[in-house]
Amino acid sequence: MVSLRGPVLIVEDDPDIRESLQHFLEAHGYPVVVASHGKEALEHLGRAPRPALVVLDMNLPVMDGNRLLTARKGDEHLRAIPVVILSAALAGMSTRDRALYASTYGVAALLGKPADPRQVLEAVERHGLSAEDTSAGVPV
């Protein structure tokens, strides 16, 4: 486990997936907060302590993942928070389109659903550590 500055924010509308991810990450020693849609996620991102990392589903009610990423991109403090997309919405995207999307929105990793829990844990460890190693709000 990596020591993070804040919790992992899981943004997932499916309660079973959300709870499973929460319990899995907590079992590995990570503090977790959850949101069921993008608007609720933005509220968490504005509170202290800010999440150290976001695990984001794209197909969400109220405010979807694309709108959340657009709002994040427009705020220099939020841009520094790594995002790992965990979504079935990636299934139709080519490798090139995934890379372009990740680059455009500053996404640290893209995982499709269903994902191997070890991949999720690896992404949280790798990119949570990157969040810990930032200086002046600029990711390394």
Protein backbone atom coordinates (compact mmCIF):
# COMPACT_ATOMS: atom_id res chain seq x y z
CA MET A 1 0.00 0.00 0.00
CA VAL A 2 1.09 3.54 -0.77
CA SER A 3 0.50 6.31 1.74
CA LEU A 4 -1.72 8.90 0.05
CA ARG A 5 -2.37 12.54 0.94
CA GLY A 6 -6.10 11.96 0.74
CA PRO A 7 -8.65 9.27 0.04
CA VAL A 8 -9.33 7.45 -3.20
CA LEU A 9 -12.57 8.79 -4.70
CA ILE A 10 -14.62 6.09 -6.42
CA VAL A 11 -17.19 7.53 -8.83
CA GLU A 12 -19.55 4.72 -9.82
CA ASP A 13 -23.33 4.62 -10.14
CA ASP A 14 -23.71 0.83 -9.75
CA PRO A 15 -23.94 0.28 -5.98
CA ASP A 16 -22.62 -3.30 -6.17
CA ILE A 17 -19.51 -2.28 -8.12
CA ARG A 18 -19.02 0.84 -5.99
CA GLU A 19 -19.22 -1.12 -2.73
CA SER A 20 -17.01 -3.94 -4.02
CA LEU A 21 -14.32 -1.47 -5.09
CA GLN A 22 -14.61 0.40 -1.81
CA HIS A 23 -14.24 -2.76 0.30
CA PHE A 24 -11.41 -4.06 -1.89
CA LEU A 25 -9.36 -0.86 -1.62
CA GLU A 26 -10.10 -0.46 2.08
CA ALA A 27 -8.96 -4.06 2.66
CA HIS A 28 -5.64 -2.99 1.10
CA GLY A 29 -5.40 -0.07 3.52
CA TYR A 30 -6.66 2.79 1.35
CA PRO A 31 -9.08 5.39 2.68
CA VAL A 32 -12.03 5.69 0.30
CA VAL A 33 -14.87 8.12 -0.37
CA VAL A 34 -17.58 7.38 -2.90
CA ALA A 35 -19.84 9.25 -5.29
CA SER A 36 -22.65 7.92 -7.45
CA HIS A 37 -22.43 10.64 -10.15
CA GLY A 38 -20.15 13.38 -11.42
CA LYS A 39 -21.81 16.26 -9.58
CA GLU A 40 -21.35 14.49 -6.25
CA ALA A 41 -17.73 13.76 -7.25
CA LEU A 42 -17.10 17.47 -7.88
CA GLU A 43 -18.36 18.19 -4.37
CA HIS A 44 -15.82 15.71 -2.94
CA LEU A 45 -13.07 17.23 -5.07
CA GLY A 46 -13.79 20.63 -3.56
CA ARG A 47 -13.53 19.45 0.05
CA ALA A 48 -10.50 18.91 2.26
CA PRO A 49 -8.78 16.63 2.25
CA ARG A 50 -8.95 16.46 -1.51
CA PRO A 51 -8.88 12.97 -2.97
CA ALA A 52 -5.43 11.75 -3.93
CA LEU A 53 -6.83 9.84 -6.89
CA VAL A 54 -10.16 9.32 -8.68
CA VAL A 55 -11.43 5.99 -10.03
CA LEU A 56 -14.06 7.08 -12.55
CA ASP A 57 -16.83 5.32 -14.41
CA MET A 58 -17.89 7.22 -17.53
CA ASN A 59 -21.59 6.32 -17.81
CA LEU A 60 -23.07 8.19 -14.86
CA PRO A 61 -26.39 9.90 -14.12
CA VAL A 62 -26.69 13.64 -13.32
CA MET A 63 -23.18 14.44 -14.63
CA ASP A 64 -21.34 11.87 -16.73
CA GLY A 65 -17.61 11.16 -16.73
CA ASN A 66 -16.94 13.35 -19.78
CA ARG A 67 -18.49 16.40 -18.12
CA LEU A 68 -16.59 15.71 -14.90
CA LEU A 69 -13.30 15.45 -16.79
CA THR A 70 -14.09 18.71 -18.64
CA ALA A 71 -14.74 20.48 -15.30
CA ARG A 72 -11.52 18.99 -13.88
CA LYS A 73 -9.53 20.13 -16.90
CA GLY A 74 -10.69 23.72 -16.33
CA ASP A 75 -9.43 23.87 -12.73
CA GLU A 76 -5.68 23.86 -12.13
CA HIS A 77 -6.01 22.34 -8.63
CA LEU A 78 -8.25 19.51 -9.83
CA ARG A 79 -6.05 18.78 -12.86
CA ALA A 80 -3.30 17.69 -10.46
CA ILE A 81 -5.48 14.85 -9.11
CA PRO A 82 -4.84 11.67 -11.13
CA VAL A 83 -7.84 9.94 -12.70
CA VAL A 84 -8.08 6.24 -13.49
CA ILE A 85 -11.04 5.53 -15.76
CA LEU A 86 -12.75 2.21 -15.05
CA SER A 87 -15.55 1.90 -17.56
CA ALA A 88 -17.24 -0.35 -20.10
CA ALA A 89 -17.56 2.77 -22.28
CA LEU A 90 -13.99 2.17 -23.47
CA ALA A 91 -14.90 -1.05 -25.27
CA GLY A 92 -15.60 0.66 -28.60
CA MET A 93 -12.50 2.86 -28.58
CA SER A 94 -9.39 2.02 -30.55
CA THR A 95 -6.01 2.07 -28.83
CA ARG A 96 -5.23 5.32 -30.65
CA ASP A 97 -8.51 6.94 -29.56
CA ARG A 98 -7.89 5.86 -25.96
CA ALA A 99 -4.43 7.43 -26.01
CA LEU A 100 -5.79 10.65 -27.53
CA TYR A 101 -8.61 10.82 -24.98
CA ALA A 102 -6.23 10.19 -22.08
CA SER A 103 -3.86 12.87 -23.34
CA THR A 104 -6.63 15.41 -23.92
CA TYR A 105 -8.13 15.00 -20.45
CA GLY A 106 -4.98 14.20 -18.47
CA VAL A 107 -6.15 10.71 -17.58
CA ALA A 108 -3.51 8.57 -15.85
CA ALA A 109 -4.91 5.15 -16.83
CA LEU A 110 -7.84 3.58 -18.65
CA LEU A 111 -9.24 0.22 -17.56
CA GLY A 112 -12.21 -1.51 -19.13
CA LYS A 113 -14.93 -3.34 -17.26
CA PRO A 114 -14.83 -5.92 -16.02
CA ALA A 115 -11.33 -5.26 -14.69
CA ASP A 116 -9.09 -7.62 -12.82
CA PRO A 117 -8.97 -6.29 -9.22
CA ARG A 118 -5.17 -6.57 -9.32
CA GLN A 119 -5.11 -4.13 -12.26
CA VAL A 120 -7.21 -1.65 -10.30
CA LEU A 121 -4.95 -1.99 -7.26
CA GLU A 122 -1.84 -1.61 -9.42
CA ALA A 123 -3.24 1.56 -11.03
CA VAL A 124 -4.15 3.04 -7.63
CA GLU A 125 -0.69 2.24 -6.28
CA ARG A 126 1.15 3.59 -9.33
CA HIS A 127 -0.87 6.76 -9.84
CA GLY A 128 -1.56 7.41 -6.17
CA LEU A 129 2.20 7.48 -5.70
CA SER A 130 2.45 9.96 -8.57
CA ALA A 131 -0.06 12.17 -6.77
CA GLU A 132 2.05 12.00 -3.62
CA ASP A 133 5.15 13.05 -5.56
CA THR A 134 3.66 16.23 -6.98
CA SER A 135 5.03 19.64 -6.22
CA ALA A 136 3.21 22.94 -6.63
CA GLY A 137 0.17 21.02 -7.89
CA VAL A 138 1.93 19.88 -11.07
CA PRO A 139 1.96 16.11 -11.68
CA VAL A 140 5.31 14.49 -12.29
